[in-house]
Amino acid sequence: MRIRDRDGGYDDGYRECSCFWGKEPGSLVLRLFRQASHIPSRVLDLGCGEGKNASFFAERGATVDAVDCSSHALRNAAEACGGSTGVTWHLSDARDFLNQPRQPYDIVVMYGLLHCLPSLDDVLGLVDRARRLTTAGGLHILCAFNQRAQDLSAAHPTFAPLLLTHTTYVGAYEGWAVDASDEDLFEVHPHNRIPHRHSMTRLVARAPA
């Protein structure tokens, strides 16, 4: 997806910073790993950015497909922030990637992806396809902006994210065991140094065994 008002201006950051998001995995990924009884064998990271989550799983023995539509992000991943063996990098729209035949995954990660899609139908369709590609008892890890409160004008002047309700994301996992929260994220991006805030749905969902 190469729509300027949907990419958050992140390509500007990827061009200016060799490791825009840092190297530490997302907090939900780290929490899940600490609580897990075994390492997943197959992981799908949709909207992988520079690969910090994909690399984290690969370094612990998983085979990972990491997908992003930004060539700048994947260049950074290969050069600095995620060039791990065990990761296959895919330059692709996440929707196109899931429309191709795939083997099931133990974990699907969607960090910062869904609010960049153009419509509710796109979000629900992608989540549904990802659900059907998840092993019994497998997990989804999702973080997305929601509509409660967003501070975009200064730090993201060209960004028009899709802002769905927190309950919409939870409802997309009917029949799964869901642990979800609606939290504020305060951040400063390294390329513009402007403090700002996002309301975020943070969700871990487990498929029926």
C-alpha atoms as a PDB file:
ATOM      1  CA  MET A   1       0.000   0.000   0.000  1.00  0.00           C
ATOM      2  CA  ARG A   2       1.708   3.165  -1.132  1.00  0.00           C
ATOM      3  CA  ILE A   3      -0.872   5.793  -0.250  1.00  0.00           C
ATOM      4  CA  ARG A   4       0.791   8.858   1.193  1.00  0.00           C
ATOM      5  CA  ASP A   5      -1.915   9.640   3.755  1.00  0.00           C
ATOM      6  CA  ARG A   6      -1.874   6.017   4.943  1.00  0.00           C
ATOM      7  CA  ASP A   7       1.868   5.445   5.407  1.00  0.00           C
ATOM      8  CA  GLY A   8       2.210   7.754   8.411  1.00  0.00           C
ATOM      9  CA  GLY A   9       5.187   9.492   6.863  1.00  0.00           C
ATOM     10  CA  TYR A  10       7.298   6.582   8.112  1.00  0.00           C
ATOM     11  CA  ASP A  11       9.220   6.312   4.852  1.00  0.00           C
ATOM     12  CA  ASP A  12      10.665   9.745   5.650  1.00  0.00           C
ATOM     13  CA  GLY A  13      11.901   8.316   8.937  1.00  0.00           C
ATOM     14  CA  TYR A  14      13.243   5.137   7.326  1.00  0.00           C
ATOM     15  CA  ARG A  15      15.249   7.231   4.865  1.00  0.00           C
ATOM     16  CA  GLU A  16      16.684   9.480   7.571  1.00  0.00           C
ATOM     17  CA  CYS A  17      17.285   6.897  10.323  1.00  0.00           C
ATOM     18  CA  SER A  18      18.995   3.576   9.783  1.00  0.00           C
ATOM     19  CA  CYS A  19      17.026   2.004  12.629  1.00  0.00           C
ATOM     20  CA  PHE A  20      13.884   4.073  13.090  1.00  0.00           C
ATOM     21  CA  TRP A  21      12.055   1.775  15.525  1.00  0.00           C
ATOM     22  CA  GLY A  22      15.046   0.547  17.515  1.00  0.00           C
ATOM     23  CA  LYS A  23      16.069  -3.077  17.991  1.00  0.00           C
ATOM     24  CA  GLU A  24      14.041  -4.118  21.041  1.00  0.00           C
ATOM     25  CA  PRO A  25      10.976  -6.239  20.254  1.00  0.00           C
ATOM     26  CA  GLY A  26       7.512  -4.886  20.955  1.00  0.00           C
ATOM     27  CA  SER A  27       6.391  -5.214  24.565  1.00  0.00           C
ATOM     28  CA  LEU A  28       3.612  -7.684  23.716  1.00  0.00           C
ATOM     29  CA  VAL A  29       6.089  -9.860  21.819  1.00  0.00           C
ATOM     30  CA  LEU A  30       8.491  -9.821  24.739  1.00  0.00           C
ATOM     31  CA  ARG A  31       5.737 -10.572  27.254  1.00  0.00           C
ATOM     32  CA  LEU A  32       4.462 -13.458  25.156  1.00  0.00           C
ATOM     33  CA  PHE A  33       7.933 -14.956  24.841  1.00  0.00           C
ATOM     34  CA  ARG A  34       8.489 -14.786  28.593  1.00  0.00           C
ATOM     35  CA  GLN A  35       5.177 -16.547  29.240  1.00  0.00           C
ATOM     36  CA  ALA A  36       5.427 -19.152  26.471  1.00  0.00           C
ATOM     37  CA  SER A  37       6.110 -22.793  27.236  1.00  0.00           C
ATOM     38  CA  HIS A  38       7.771 -23.390  23.846  1.00  0.00           C
ATOM     39  CA  ILE A  39       9.189 -21.479  20.876  1.00  0.00           C
ATOM     40  CA  PRO A  40       6.866 -21.244  17.875  1.00  0.00           C
ATOM     41  CA  SER A  41       8.181 -22.900  14.739  1.00  0.00           C
ATOM     42  CA  ARG A  42       6.524 -20.601  12.183  1.00  0.00           C
ATOM     43  CA  VAL A  43       5.869 -16.871  12.599  1.00  0.00           C
ATOM     44  CA  LEU A  44       4.310 -14.329  10.232  1.00  0.00           C
ATOM     45  CA  ASP A  45       5.115 -10.644  10.829  1.00  0.00           C
ATOM     46  CA  LEU A  46       2.746  -8.493   8.761  1.00  0.00           C
ATOM     47  CA  GLY A  47       3.818  -4.851   8.509  1.00  0.00           C
ATOM     48  CA  CYS A  48       7.201  -5.858   9.901  1.00  0.00           C
ATOM     49  CA  GLY A  49       8.856  -2.450   9.437  1.00  0.00           C
ATOM     50  CA  GLU A  50      12.569  -2.866  10.079  1.00  0.00           C
ATOM     51  CA  GLY A  51      12.097  -6.344  11.475  1.00  0.00           C
ATOM     52  CA  LYS A  52      12.692  -6.000  15.208  1.00  0.00           C
ATOM     53  CA  ASN A  53       9.933  -8.508  16.052  1.00  0.00           C
ATOM     54  CA  ALA A  54      10.762 -10.854  13.176  1.00  0.00           C
ATOM     55  CA  SER A  55      14.421 -10.910  14.166  1.00  0.00           C
ATOM     56  CA  PHE A  56      13.576 -11.559  17.808  1.00  0.00           C
ATOM     57  CA  PHE A  57      11.651 -14.724  16.924  1.00  0.00           C
ATOM     58  CA  ALA A  58      14.216 -15.881  14.362  1.00  0.00           C
ATOM     59  CA  GLU A  59      17.087 -15.515  16.802  1.00  0.00           C
ATOM     60  CA  ARG A  60      15.212 -17.928  19.063  1.00  0.00           C
ATOM     61  CA  GLY A  61      14.828 -20.587  16.418  1.00  0.00           C
ATOM     62  CA  ALA A  62      11.584 -19.716  14.610  1.00  0.00           C
ATOM     63  CA  THR A  63      11.192 -19.569  10.847  1.00  0.00           C
ATOM     64  CA  VAL A  64       9.744 -16.161  10.037  1.00  0.00           C
ATOM     65  CA  ASP A  65       8.052 -14.565   7.030  1.00  0.00           C
ATOM     66  CA  ALA A  66       8.381 -10.782   7.430  1.00  0.00           C
ATOM     67  CA  VAL A  67       6.205  -8.655   5.144  1.00  0.00           C
ATOM     68  CA  ASP A  68       6.239  -4.914   4.521  1.00  0.00           C
ATOM     69  CA  CYS A  69       5.246  -2.632   1.666  1.00  0.00           C
ATOM     70  CA  SER A  70       8.165  -0.223   2.295  1.00  0.00           C
ATOM     71  CA  SER A  71      11.407  -0.944   0.468  1.00  0.00           C
ATOM     72  CA  HIS A  72      13.096   1.608   2.750  1.00  0.00           C
ATOM     73  CA  ALA A  73      12.040  -0.329   5.865  1.00  0.00           C
ATOM     74  CA  LEU A  74      13.265  -3.627   4.446  1.00  0.00           C
ATOM     75  CA  ARG A  75      16.548  -2.051   3.385  1.00  0.00           C
ATOM     76  CA  ASN A  76      17.073  -0.935   6.980  1.00  0.00           C
ATOM     77  CA  ALA A  77      16.102  -4.397   8.178  1.00  0.00           C
ATOM     78  CA  ALA A  78      18.703  -6.047   5.978  1.00  0.00           C
ATOM     79  CA  GLU A  79      21.434  -3.540   6.818  1.00  0.00           C
ATOM     80  CA  ALA A  80      20.967  -2.741  10.486  1.00  0.00           C
ATOM     81  CA  CYS A  81      17.876  -3.758  12.406  1.00  0.00           C
ATOM     82  CA  GLY A  82      16.955  -7.260  11.444  1.00  0.00           C
ATOM     83  CA  GLY A  83      19.237  -9.041   9.046  1.00  0.00           C
ATOM     84  CA  SER A  84      18.792 -12.353  10.862  1.00  0.00           C
ATOM     85  CA  THR A  85      19.052 -15.715   9.211  1.00  0.00           C
ATOM     86  CA  GLY A  86      15.748 -17.491   9.630  1.00  0.00           C
ATOM     87  CA  VAL A  87      13.798 -14.503   8.314  1.00  0.00           C
ATOM     88  CA  THR A  88      12.494 -14.350   4.755  1.00  0.00           C
ATOM     89  CA  TRP A  89      11.791 -10.733   3.826  1.00  0.00           C
ATOM     90  CA  HIS A  90       8.860 -10.000   1.509  1.00  0.00           C
ATOM     91  CA  LEU A  91       8.250  -6.643  -0.182  1.00  0.00           C
ATOM     92  CA  SER A  92       4.486  -6.875  -0.467  1.00  0.00           C
ATOM     93  CA  ASP A  93       1.154  -5.474   0.577  1.00  0.00           C
ATOM     94  CA  ALA A  94      -0.005  -7.663   3.471  1.00  0.00           C
ATOM     95  CA  ARG A  95      -3.353  -8.287   1.762  1.00  0.00           C
ATOM     96  CA  ASP A  96      -1.662  -9.529  -1.395  1.00  0.00           C
ATOM     97  CA  PHE A  97       0.653 -11.754   0.618  1.00  0.00           C
ATOM     98  CA  LEU A  98      -2.249 -13.455   2.389  1.00  0.00           C
ATOM     99  CA  ASN A  99      -4.100 -13.979  -0.868  1.00  0.00           C
ATOM    100  CA  GLN A 100      -1.437 -16.493  -1.899  1.00  0.00           C
ATOM    101  CA  PRO A 101      -1.418 -20.117  -0.658  1.00  0.00           C
ATOM    102  CA  ARG A 102       0.521 -20.322   2.627  1.00  0.00           C
ATOM    103  CA  GLN A 103       1.302 -22.936   5.236  1.00  0.00           C
ATOM    104  CA  PRO A 104      -0.245 -22.217   8.677  1.00  0.00           C
ATOM    105  CA  TYR A 105       1.622 -20.096  11.217  1.00  0.00           C
ATOM    106  CA  ASP A 106       1.921 -20.522  14.979  1.00  0.00           C
ATOM    107  CA  ILE A 107       2.046 -16.761  15.575  1.00  0.00           C
ATOM    108  CA  VAL A 108       0.884 -13.825  13.446  1.00  0.00           C
ATOM    109  CA  VAL A 109       2.169 -10.377  14.416  1.00  0.00           C
ATOM    110  CA  MET A 110       0.420  -7.191  13.248  1.00  0.00           C
ATOM    111  CA  TYR A 111       2.180  -4.282  14.942  1.00  0.00           C
ATOM    112  CA  GLY A 112       1.073  -0.898  13.554  1.00  0.00           C
ATOM    113  CA  LEU A 113      -0.426  -2.353  10.373  1.00  0.00           C
ATOM    114  CA  LEU A 114      -4.207  -2.332  10.556  1.00  0.00           C
ATOM    115  CA  HIS A 115      -4.726   1.413  11.021  1.00  0.00           C
ATOM    116  CA  CYS A 116      -2.829   1.909   7.742  1.00  0.00           C
ATOM    117  CA  LEU A 117      -5.435  -0.034   5.760  1.00  0.00           C
ATOM    118  CA  PRO A 118      -8.063   1.969   3.855  1.00  0.00           C
ATOM    119  CA  SER A 119     -11.323   0.552   5.237  1.00  0.00           C
ATOM    120  CA  LEU A 120     -13.053  -1.548   7.859  1.00  0.00           C
ATOM    121  CA  ASP A 121     -13.666  -4.232   5.236  1.00  0.00           C
ATOM    122  CA  ASP A 122      -9.928  -4.393   4.516  1.00  0.00           C
ATOM    123  CA  VAL A 123      -9.141  -4.808   8.214  1.00  0.00           C
ATOM    124  CA  LEU A 124     -11.749  -7.490   8.825  1.00  0.00           C
ATOM    125  CA  GLY A 125     -10.829  -9.294   5.623  1.00  0.00           C
ATOM    126  CA  LEU A 126      -7.130  -9.353   6.459  1.00  0.00           C
ATOM    127  CA  VAL A 127      -7.761 -10.506  10.039  1.00  0.00           C
ATOM    128  CA  ASP A 128     -10.072 -13.235   8.764  1.00  0.00           C
ATOM    129  CA  ARG A 129      -7.483 -14.512   6.275  1.00  0.00           C
ATOM    130  CA  ALA A 130      -4.793 -14.417   8.970  1.00  0.00           C
ATOM    131  CA  ARG A 131      -7.057 -16.320  11.361  1.00  0.00           C
ATOM    132  CA  ARG A 132      -7.561 -19.061   8.782  1.00  0.00           C
ATOM    133  CA  LEU A 133      -3.785 -19.316   8.374  1.00  0.00           C
ATOM    134  CA  THR A 134      -3.174 -19.845  12.088  1.00  0.00           C
ATOM    135  CA  THR A 135      -2.566 -23.229  13.694  1.00  0.00           C
ATOM    136  CA  ALA A 136      -4.923 -24.596  16.355  1.00  0.00           C
ATOM    137  CA  GLY A 137      -3.983 -22.882  19.604  1.00  0.00           C
ATOM    138  CA  GLY A 138      -1.902 -20.336  17.689  1.00  0.00           C
ATOM    139  CA  LEU A 139      -1.640 -16.665  18.579  1.00  0.00           C
ATOM    140  CA  HIS A 140      -2.186 -13.244  17.045  1.00  0.00           C
ATOM    141  CA  ILE A 141      -0.376 -10.199  18.435  1.00  0.00           C
ATOM    142  CA  LEU A 142      -1.963  -6.922  17.359  1.00  0.00           C
ATOM    143  CA  CYS A 143      -1.308  -3.255  18.083  1.00  0.00           C
ATOM    144  CA  ALA A 144      -3.330  -0.596  16.276  1.00  0.00           C
ATOM    145  CA  PHE A 145      -4.403   3.008  16.699  1.00  0.00           C
ATOM    146  CA  ASN A 146      -8.041   3.314  17.746  1.00  0.00           C
ATOM    147  CA  GLN A 147     -10.482   6.197  17.591  1.00  0.00           C
ATOM    148  CA  ARG A 148     -10.415   7.281  21.242  1.00  0.00           C
ATOM    149  CA  ALA A 149      -7.661   9.924  21.092  1.00  0.00           C
ATOM    150  CA  GLN A 150      -4.991  10.735  18.519  1.00  0.00           C
ATOM    151  CA  ASP A 151      -2.420  13.545  18.384  1.00  0.00           C
ATOM    152  CA  LEU A 152      -1.322  13.603  14.744  1.00  0.00           C
ATOM    153  CA  SER A 153      -1.130  17.154  13.418  1.00  0.00           C
ATOM    154  CA  ALA A 154       2.462  17.998  14.359  1.00  0.00           C
ATOM    155  CA  ALA A 155       4.321  14.694  14.266  1.00  0.00           C
ATOM    156  CA  HIS A 156       2.236  13.097  11.469  1.00  0.00           C
ATOM    157  CA  PRO A 157       0.968  16.033   9.380  1.00  0.00           C
ATOM    158  CA  THR A 158       0.157  13.923   6.300  1.00  0.00           C
ATOM    159  CA  PHE A 159      -1.199  10.872   8.133  1.00  0.00           C
ATOM    160  CA  ALA A 160      -4.895   9.936   7.952  1.00  0.00           C
ATOM    161  CA  PRO A 161      -5.044   6.577   9.737  1.00  0.00           C
ATOM    162  CA  LEU A 162      -8.112   4.396   9.808  1.00  0.00           C
ATOM    163  CA  LEU A 163      -9.448   4.852  13.341  1.00  0.00           C
ATOM    164  CA  LEU A 164     -11.702   2.014  14.435  1.00  0.00           C
ATOM    165  CA  THR A 165     -13.080   1.441  17.917  1.00  0.00           C
ATOM    166  CA  HIS A 166     -11.303  -0.751  20.417  1.00  0.00           C
ATOM    167  CA  THR A 167     -14.342  -3.033  20.487  1.00  0.00           C
ATOM    168  CA  THR A 168     -14.139  -3.501  16.704  1.00  0.00           C
ATOM    169  CA  TYR A 169     -10.702  -5.075  17.043  1.00  0.00           C
ATOM    170  CA  VAL A 170     -11.809  -7.265  19.941  1.00  0.00           C
ATOM    171  CA  GLY A 171     -14.923  -8.298  18.005  1.00  0.00           C
ATOM    172  CA  ALA A 172     -12.830  -9.412  15.041  1.00  0.00           C
ATOM    173  CA  TYR A 173     -11.676 -12.334  17.211  1.00  0.00           C
ATOM    174  CA  GLU A 174     -15.038 -13.820  18.097  1.00  0.00           C
ATOM    175  CA  GLY A 175     -14.548 -17.407  19.231  1.00  0.00           C
ATOM    176  CA  TRP A 176     -10.901 -16.851  20.214  1.00  0.00           C
ATOM    177  CA  ALA A 177      -9.557 -16.220  23.716  1.00  0.00           C
ATOM    178  CA  VAL A 178      -8.729 -12.494  23.777  1.00  0.00           C
ATOM    179  CA  ASP A 179      -6.617 -10.413  26.150  1.00  0.00           C
ATOM    180  CA  ALA A 180      -6.924  -6.774  25.076  1.00  0.00           C
ATOM    181  CA  SER A 181      -6.366  -3.286  26.448  1.00  0.00           C
ATOM    182  CA  ASP A 182      -6.954   0.285  25.279  1.00  0.00           C
ATOM    183  CA  GLU A 183      -3.896   2.292  26.290  1.00  0.00           C
ATOM    184  CA  ASP A 184      -2.137   5.578  25.540  1.00  0.00           C
ATOM    185  CA  LEU A 185       1.225   5.487  23.785  1.00  0.00           C
ATOM    186  CA  PHE A 186       3.504   8.495  24.185  1.00  0.00           C
ATOM    187  CA  GLU A 187       6.374   8.576  21.709  1.00  0.00           C
ATOM    188  CA  VAL A 188       8.956  10.715  19.919  1.00  0.00           C
ATOM    189  CA  HIS A 189      10.181   9.691  16.482  1.00  0.00           C
ATOM    190  CA  PRO A 190      13.927  10.112  15.909  1.00  0.00           C
ATOM    191  CA  HIS A 191      13.627  12.023  12.620  1.00  0.00           C
ATOM    192  CA  ASN A 192      11.440  14.907  13.879  1.00  0.00           C
ATOM    193  CA  ARG A 193      11.701  14.753  17.716  1.00  0.00           C
ATOM    194  CA  ILE A 194       8.069  15.853  18.222  1.00  0.00           C
ATOM    195  CA  PRO A 195       6.356  14.358  21.295  1.00  0.00           C
ATOM    196  CA  HIS A 196       2.871  13.001  20.562  1.00  0.00           C
ATOM    197  CA  ARG A 197       0.258  10.541  21.775  1.00  0.00           C
ATOM    198  CA  HIS A 198      -1.811   7.705  20.321  1.00  0.00           C
ATOM    199  CA  SER A 199      -4.609   5.657  21.822  1.00  0.00           C
ATOM    200  CA  MET A 200      -3.771   2.038  21.051  1.00  0.00           C
ATOM    201  CA  THR A 201      -5.574  -1.264  21.051  1.00  0.00           C
ATOM    202  CA  ARG A 202      -3.107  -3.891  22.260  1.00  0.00           C
ATOM    203  CA  LEU A 203      -4.387  -7.423  21.817  1.00  0.00           C
ATOM    204  CA  VAL A 204      -3.260 -11.026  22.099  1.00  0.00           C
ATOM    205  CA  ALA A 205      -5.747 -13.609  20.790  1.00  0.00           C
ATOM    206  CA  ARG A 206      -5.445 -17.393  20.945  1.00  0.00           C
ATOM    207  CA  ALA A 207      -7.130 -19.643  18.375  1.00  0.00           C
ATOM    208  CA  PRO A 208      -9.246 -22.529  19.630  1.00  0.00           C
ATOM    209  CA  ALA A 209      -7.182 -25.666  20.179  1.00  0.00           C
END
